[in-house]
Amino acid sequence: QVQLVESGGGLVQAGGSLRLSCVASGRSISDYPMGWFRQAPGAEREFVAAISRSGGSTYYADSVKGRFTISRDNAKNTVYLQMNSLKPEDTAVYYCAADRRGAVPNATPLGYDDWGQGTQVTVSS
């Protein structure tokens, strides 16, 4: 099992930026595709971005493409989500997840095995 801890959330005005971090412990994440998801109040958890084991391939939801960037530093056992040009509709709790079974990143929450506790992102208009 991998323990994941997210940080970096907060309150920001529309158009602003935030950088989320997800630090893993318990195992090296270098063998696992990693993903970011988010969940707004009353909504289902939705895919935001995913990254391959090496970091060479990234995938994004259409709603964040061109604004968000996922990256990873396997030496630091950390995954990042750089969020630019934030919009009020980006407001949600953001979760980091590890896929210990898959070989390639996927966009389905059920495809991930370990989750962090989440970090709140609030974008004011």
N, C-alpha and C. Protein backbone atom coordinates (compact mmCIF):
# COMPACT_ATOMS: atom_id res chain seq x y z
N GLN A 1 0.83 -1.19 0.00
CA GLN A 1 0.00 0.00 0.00
C GLN A 1 0.87 1.25 0.00
N VAL A 2 0.37 2.28 -0.64
CA VAL A 2 1.08 3.55 -0.71
C VAL A 2 0.28 4.59 0.07
N GLN A 3 0.95 5.31 0.94
CA GLN A 3 0.30 6.41 1.64
C GLN A 3 0.56 7.70 0.86
N LEU A 4 -0.49 8.46 0.64
CA LEU A 4 -0.40 9.68 -0.17
C LEU A 4 -0.90 10.87 0.64
N VAL A 5 -0.16 11.95 0.59
CA VAL A 5 -0.56 13.17 1.30
C VAL A 5 -0.49 14.34 0.34
N GLU A 6 -1.65 14.96 0.10
CA GLU A 6 -1.70 16.13 -0.78
C GLU A 6 -1.53 17.41 0.03
N SER A 7 -1.02 18.43 -0.64
CA SER A 7 -0.90 19.76 -0.05
C SER A 7 -0.91 20.79 -1.17
N GLY A 8 -1.04 22.05 -0.78
CA GLY A 8 -0.96 23.13 -1.75
C GLY A 8 -2.28 23.76 -2.12
N GLY A 9 -3.38 23.20 -1.62
CA GLY A 9 -4.67 23.80 -1.91
C GLY A 9 -4.86 25.12 -1.17
N GLY A 10 -5.95 25.80 -1.50
CA GLY A 10 -6.23 27.07 -0.85
C GLY A 10 -7.28 27.86 -1.59
N LEU A 11 -7.38 29.13 -1.21
CA LEU A 11 -8.33 30.05 -1.83
C LEU A 11 -7.58 30.95 -2.80
N VAL A 12 -8.08 31.04 -4.02
CA VAL A 12 -7.42 31.87 -5.03
C VAL A 12 -8.49 32.53 -5.89
N GLN A 13 -8.16 33.70 -6.42
CA GLN A 13 -9.09 34.39 -7.32
C GLN A 13 -9.05 33.76 -8.70
N ALA A 14 -10.14 33.92 -9.41
CA ALA A 14 -10.20 33.44 -10.79
C ALA A 14 -9.05 34.04 -11.59
N GLY A 15 -8.43 33.18 -12.40
CA GLY A 15 -7.27 33.60 -13.16
C GLY A 15 -5.95 33.32 -12.48
N GLY A 16 -6.01 32.98 -11.21
CA GLY A 16 -4.80 32.70 -10.44
C GLY A 16 -4.27 31.29 -10.64
N SER A 17 -3.23 30.98 -9.87
CA SER A 17 -2.56 29.69 -10.00
C SER A 17 -2.34 29.05 -8.64
N LEU A 18 -2.29 27.75 -8.65
CA LEU A 18 -1.90 26.96 -7.48
C LEU A 18 -1.09 25.76 -7.96
N ARG A 19 -0.21 25.28 -7.07
CA ARG A 19 0.54 24.07 -7.36
C ARG A 19 0.28 23.06 -6.25
N LEU A 20 -0.33 21.96 -6.61
CA LEU A 20 -0.58 20.89 -5.66
C LEU A 20 0.57 19.90 -5.66
N SER A 21 0.87 19.37 -4.49
CA SER A 21 1.88 18.34 -4.35
C SER A 21 1.25 17.10 -3.72
N CYS A 22 1.76 15.96 -4.07
CA CYS A 22 1.33 14.69 -3.50
C CYS A 22 2.58 13.90 -3.16
N VAL A 23 2.85 13.77 -1.86
CA VAL A 23 4.03 13.05 -1.40
C VAL A 23 3.63 11.64 -1.00
N ALA A 24 4.34 10.67 -1.52
CA ALA A 24 4.04 9.27 -1.25
C ALA A 24 5.04 8.69 -0.25
N SER A 25 4.56 7.71 0.49
CA SER A 25 5.43 6.98 1.42
C SER A 25 4.95 5.54 1.47
N GLY A 26 5.82 4.68 1.98
CA GLY A 26 5.47 3.27 2.09
C GLY A 26 6.03 2.44 0.95
N ARG A 27 6.01 3.00 -0.23
CA ARG A 27 6.58 2.34 -1.40
C ARG A 27 7.05 3.41 -2.37
N SER A 28 7.95 3.04 -3.24
CA SER A 28 8.32 3.93 -4.32
C SER A 28 7.20 3.95 -5.35
N ILE A 29 6.85 5.14 -5.82
CA ILE A 29 5.79 5.26 -6.82
C ILE A 29 6.33 5.18 -8.24
N SER A 30 7.61 4.94 -8.40
CA SER A 30 8.21 4.95 -9.74
C SER A 30 7.63 3.85 -10.64
N ASP A 31 7.05 2.81 -10.04
CA ASP A 31 6.47 1.73 -10.82
C ASP A 31 4.99 1.92 -11.13
N TYR A 32 4.41 3.03 -10.67
CA TYR A 32 2.96 3.20 -10.76
C TYR A 32 2.56 4.41 -11.57
N PRO A 33 1.59 4.22 -12.47
CA PRO A 33 0.92 5.41 -13.01
C PRO A 33 0.23 6.15 -11.87
N MET A 34 0.17 7.47 -11.98
CA MET A 34 -0.43 8.28 -10.93
C MET A 34 -1.49 9.20 -11.55
N GLY A 35 -2.46 9.56 -10.73
CA GLY A 35 -3.52 10.42 -11.24
C GLY A 35 -3.97 11.45 -10.23
N TRP A 36 -4.61 12.49 -10.74
CA TRP A 36 -5.29 13.49 -9.93
C TRP A 36 -6.77 13.46 -10.29
N PHE A 37 -7.59 13.51 -9.28
CA PHE A 37 -9.04 13.57 -9.44
C PHE A 37 -9.56 14.72 -8.60
N ARG A 38 -10.80 15.10 -8.82
CA ARG A 38 -11.42 16.13 -7.99
C ARG A 38 -12.89 15.81 -7.77
N GLN A 39 -13.40 16.36 -6.68
CA GLN A 39 -14.81 16.13 -6.35
C GLN A 39 -15.39 17.40 -5.76
N ALA A 40 -16.39 17.93 -6.43
CA ALA A 40 -17.12 19.09 -5.95
C ALA A 40 -18.31 18.63 -5.11
N PRO A 41 -18.84 19.49 -4.25
CA PRO A 41 -19.98 19.10 -3.43
C PRO A 41 -21.16 18.62 -4.27
N GLY A 42 -21.70 17.45 -3.92
CA GLY A 42 -22.85 16.92 -4.63
C GLY A 42 -22.53 16.28 -5.97
N ALA A 43 -21.25 16.25 -6.33
CA ALA A 43 -20.86 15.70 -7.62
C ALA A 43 -20.04 14.42 -7.43
N GLU A 44 -19.92 13.67 -8.51
CA GLU A 44 -19.08 12.48 -8.47
C GLU A 44 -17.62 12.88 -8.62
N ARG A 45 -16.76 11.98 -8.18
CA ARG A 45 -15.33 12.22 -8.35
C ARG A 45 -15.00 12.14 -9.84
N GLU A 46 -14.26 13.12 -10.33
CA GLU A 46 -13.96 13.15 -11.75
C GLU A 46 -12.46 13.22 -12.02
N PHE A 47 -12.10 12.67 -13.14
CA PHE A 47 -10.71 12.63 -13.58
C PHE A 47 -10.22 14.03 -13.92
N VAL A 48 -8.99 14.33 -13.53
CA VAL A 48 -8.36 15.59 -13.88
C VAL A 48 -7.15 15.36 -14.78
N ALA A 49 -6.21 14.52 -14.31
CA ALA A 49 -4.99 14.31 -15.07
C ALA A 49 -4.34 13.01 -14.60
N ALA A 50 -3.51 12.42 -15.47
CA ALA A 50 -2.77 11.22 -15.13
C ALA A 50 -1.41 11.26 -15.81
N ILE A 51 -0.49 10.49 -15.24
CA ILE A 51 0.88 10.50 -15.76
C ILE A 51 1.44 9.10 -15.71
N SER A 52 2.23 8.76 -16.73
CA SER A 52 2.83 7.44 -16.81
C SER A 52 3.94 7.28 -15.78
N ARG A 53 4.45 6.07 -15.66
CA ARG A 53 5.45 5.78 -14.64
C ARG A 53 6.71 6.62 -14.80
N SER A 54 7.13 6.80 -16.02
CA SER A 54 8.34 7.57 -16.27
C SER A 54 8.08 9.07 -16.33
N GLY A 55 6.81 9.43 -16.49
CA GLY A 55 6.46 10.84 -16.67
C GLY A 55 6.46 11.26 -18.14
N GLY A 56 6.76 10.33 -19.02
CA GLY A 56 6.85 10.67 -20.43
C GLY A 56 5.53 10.87 -21.12
N SER A 57 4.45 10.34 -20.53
CA SER A 57 3.10 10.48 -21.11
C SER A 57 2.17 11.07 -20.07
N THR A 58 1.38 12.05 -20.51
CA THR A 58 0.40 12.68 -19.63
C THR A 58 -0.96 12.73 -20.32
N TYR A 59 -1.99 12.77 -19.52
CA TYR A 59 -3.36 12.75 -20.02
C TYR A 59 -4.18 13.74 -19.18
N TYR A 60 -5.11 14.42 -19.85
CA TYR A 60 -5.89 15.44 -19.16
C TYR A 60 -7.36 15.36 -19.53
N ALA A 61 -8.19 15.77 -18.59
CA ALA A 61 -9.60 15.98 -18.91
C ALA A 61 -9.70 17.20 -19.82
N ASP A 62 -10.69 17.18 -20.69
CA ASP A 62 -10.85 18.30 -21.63
C ASP A 62 -11.02 19.62 -20.89
N SER A 63 -11.65 19.57 -19.74
CA SER A 63 -11.95 20.79 -19.00
C SER A 63 -10.71 21.50 -18.45
N VAL A 64 -9.59 20.78 -18.35
CA VAL A 64 -8.38 21.39 -17.78
C VAL A 64 -7.23 21.44 -18.77
N LYS A 65 -7.42 20.85 -19.94
CA LYS A 65 -6.35 20.80 -20.93
C LYS A 65 -5.89 22.20 -21.30
N GLY A 66 -4.59 22.41 -21.30
CA GLY A 66 -4.03 23.71 -21.61
C GLY A 66 -3.88 24.63 -20.42
N ARG A 67 -4.50 24.26 -19.29
CA ARG A 67 -4.40 25.07 -18.07
C ARG A 67 -3.66 24.35 -16.95
N PHE A 68 -3.81 23.05 -16.87
CA PHE A 68 -3.18 22.25 -15.81
C PHE A 68 -2.04 21.43 -16.39
N THR A 69 -1.03 21.19 -15.55
CA THR A 69 0.09 20.35 -15.94
C THR A 69 0.42 19.37 -14.81
N ILE A 70 0.41 18.09 -15.13
CA ILE A 70 0.81 17.07 -14.17
C ILE A 70 2.27 16.71 -14.41
N SER A 71 3.00 16.48 -13.32
CA SER A 71 4.40 16.08 -13.44
C SER A 71 4.74 15.22 -12.23
N ARG A 72 5.90 14.60 -12.29
CA ARG A 72 6.32 13.76 -11.18
C ARG A 72 7.83 13.81 -11.03
N ASP A 73 8.28 13.60 -9.79
CA ASP A 73 9.69 13.48 -9.47
C ASP A 73 9.83 12.18 -8.69
N ASN A 74 10.20 11.13 -9.39
CA ASN A 74 10.26 9.81 -8.74
C ASN A 74 11.34 9.76 -7.65
N ALA A 75 12.37 10.53 -7.81
CA ALA A 75 13.42 10.56 -6.78
C ALA A 75 12.90 11.13 -5.47
N LYS A 76 11.90 12.01 -5.58
CA LYS A 76 11.30 12.61 -4.38
C LYS A 76 9.98 11.92 -4.02
N ASN A 77 9.61 10.90 -4.81
CA ASN A 77 8.35 10.18 -4.56
C ASN A 77 7.16 11.14 -4.51
N THR A 78 7.15 12.07 -5.44
CA THR A 78 6.17 13.15 -5.41
C THR A 78 5.58 13.36 -6.80
N VAL A 79 4.28 13.68 -6.79
CA VAL A 79 3.56 14.05 -8.01
C VAL A 79 3.01 15.46 -7.81
N TYR A 80 2.99 16.24 -8.89
CA TYR A 80 2.55 17.62 -8.82
C TYR A 80 1.39 17.87 -9.79
N LEU A 81 0.62 18.90 -9.47
CA LEU A 81 -0.39 19.39 -10.39
C LEU A 81 -0.31 20.91 -10.38
N GLN A 82 0.24 21.46 -11.46
CA GLN A 82 0.29 22.91 -11.63
C GLN A 82 -1.00 23.37 -12.27
N MET A 83 -1.71 24.27 -11.61
CA MET A 83 -3.01 24.72 -12.09
C MET A 83 -2.94 26.22 -12.37
N ASN A 84 -3.10 26.59 -13.61
CA ASN A 84 -3.08 27.98 -14.03
C ASN A 84 -4.45 28.40 -14.57
N SER A 85 -4.66 29.69 -14.67
CA SER A 85 -5.92 30.23 -15.21
C SER A 85 -7.13 29.58 -14.55
N LEU A 86 -7.09 29.53 -13.25
CA LEU A 86 -8.15 28.85 -12.51
C LEU A 86 -9.50 29.54 -12.68
N LYS A 87 -10.53 28.72 -12.68
CA LYS A 87 -11.91 29.18 -12.85
C LYS A 87 -12.74 28.77 -11.63
N PRO A 88 -13.82 29.47 -11.35
CA PRO A 88 -14.67 29.06 -10.21
C PRO A 88 -15.13 27.60 -10.32
N GLU A 89 -15.32 27.11 -11.52
CA GLU A 89 -15.76 25.71 -11.68
C GLU A 89 -14.67 24.69 -11.37
N ASP A 90 -13.46 25.16 -11.11
CA ASP A 90 -12.39 24.27 -10.66
C ASP A 90 -12.45 24.01 -9.16
N THR A 91 -13.34 24.70 -8.47
CA THR A 91 -13.47 24.52 -7.03
C THR A 91 -13.89 23.09 -6.70
N ALA A 92 -13.10 22.44 -5.86
CA ALA A 92 -13.33 21.04 -5.50
C ALA A 92 -12.27 20.60 -4.50
N VAL A 93 -12.47 19.41 -3.96
CA VAL A 93 -11.40 18.74 -3.23
C VAL A 93 -10.61 17.93 -4.26
N TYR A 94 -9.31 18.10 -4.25
CA TYR A 94 -8.44 17.43 -5.21
C TYR A 94 -7.73 16.26 -4.52
N TYR A 95 -7.76 15.11 -5.20
CA TYR A 95 -7.18 13.89 -4.67
C TYR A 95 -6.09 13.36 -5.58
N CYS A 96 -5.06 12.84 -4.96
CA CYS A 96 -4.00 12.14 -5.64
C CYS A 96 -4.25 10.65 -5.50
N ALA A 97 -3.91 9.87 -6.54
CA ALA A 97 -4.16 8.43 -6.49
C ALA A 97 -3.04 7.67 -7.19
N ALA A 98 -2.81 6.46 -6.70
CA ALA A 98 -1.79 5.56 -7.26
C ALA A 98 -2.45 4.30 -7.83
N ASP A 99 -2.00 3.92 -9.00
CA ASP A 99 -2.50 2.70 -9.64
C ASP A 99 -1.42 1.64 -9.54
N ARG A 100 -1.58 0.71 -8.60
CA ARG A 100 -0.55 -0.31 -8.40
C ARG A 100 -0.73 -1.53 -9.30
N ARG A 101 -1.81 -1.55 -10.08
CA ARG A 101 -2.07 -2.73 -10.92
C ARG A 101 -1.87 -2.47 -12.39
N GLY A 102 -2.00 -1.22 -12.80
CA GLY A 102 -1.97 -0.93 -14.22
C GLY A 102 -0.58 -0.61 -14.73
N ALA A 103 -0.46 -0.72 -16.04
CA ALA A 103 0.80 -0.40 -16.69
C ALA A 103 0.76 0.97 -17.34
N VAL A 104 -0.47 1.41 -17.68
CA VAL A 104 -0.62 2.72 -18.32
C VAL A 104 -1.65 3.51 -17.53
N PRO A 105 -1.56 4.84 -17.56
CA PRO A 105 -2.52 5.65 -16.80
C PRO A 105 -3.95 5.46 -17.29
N ASN A 106 -4.90 5.60 -16.40
CA ASN A 106 -6.29 5.54 -16.80
C ASN A 106 -7.07 6.65 -16.11
N ALA A 107 -8.29 6.87 -16.60
CA ALA A 107 -9.09 8.00 -16.14
C ALA A 107 -10.25 7.58 -15.26
N THR A 108 -10.24 6.36 -14.80
CA THR A 108 -11.35 5.85 -14.01
C THR A 108 -10.95 5.72 -12.55
N PRO A 109 -11.72 6.29 -11.62
CA PRO A 109 -11.37 6.17 -10.20
C PRO A 109 -11.21 4.72 -9.75
N LEU A 110 -12.02 3.82 -10.29
CA LEU A 110 -11.93 2.42 -9.89
C LEU A 110 -10.60 1.78 -10.30
N GLY A 111 -9.88 2.44 -11.19
CA GLY A 111 -8.61 1.91 -11.64
C GLY A 111 -7.45 2.22 -10.72
N TYR A 112 -7.73 2.93 -9.64
CA TYR A 112 -6.69 3.35 -8.71
C TYR A 112 -6.87 2.66 -7.36
N ASP A 113 -5.75 2.39 -6.72
CA ASP A 113 -5.78 1.58 -5.51
C ASP A 113 -5.62 2.39 -4.22
N ASP A 114 -4.80 3.41 -4.27
CA ASP A 114 -4.50 4.17 -3.06
C ASP A 114 -4.82 5.64 -3.29
N TRP A 115 -5.39 6.27 -2.27
CA TRP A 115 -5.84 7.65 -2.37
C TRP A 115 -5.35 8.47 -1.19
N GLY A 116 -5.11 9.74 -1.45
CA GLY A 116 -4.82 10.66 -0.37
C GLY A 116 -6.09 11.17 0.27
N GLN A 117 -5.93 12.05 1.24
CA GLN A 117 -7.08 12.56 1.98
C GLN A 117 -7.72 13.76 1.28
N GLY A 118 -7.04 14.31 0.31
CA GLY A 118 -7.56 15.42 -0.46
C GLY A 118 -7.13 16.77 0.06
N THR A 119 -7.12 17.75 -0.83
CA THR A 119 -6.81 19.13 -0.47
C THR A 119 -7.83 20.04 -1.16
N GLN A 120 -8.36 20.99 -0.40
CA GLN A 120 -9.44 21.84 -0.92
C GLN A 120 -8.87 22.96 -1.79
N VAL A 121 -9.46 23.12 -2.95
CA VAL A 121 -9.15 24.25 -3.84
C VAL A 121 -10.43 25.04 -4.03
N THR A 122 -10.38 26.32 -3.71
CA THR A 122 -11.54 27.20 -3.87
C THR A 122 -11.14 28.38 -4.74
N VAL A 123 -11.88 28.59 -5.82
CA VAL A 123 -11.60 29.67 -6.74
C VAL A 123 -12.76 30.65 -6.69
N SER A 124 -12.46 31.88 -6.30
CA SER A 124 -13.49 32.90 -6.19
C SER A 124 -13.59 33.69 -7.49
N SER A 125 -14.80 34.15 -7.76
CA SER A 125 -15.02 34.90 -9.00
C SER A 125 -14.81 36.39 -8.80
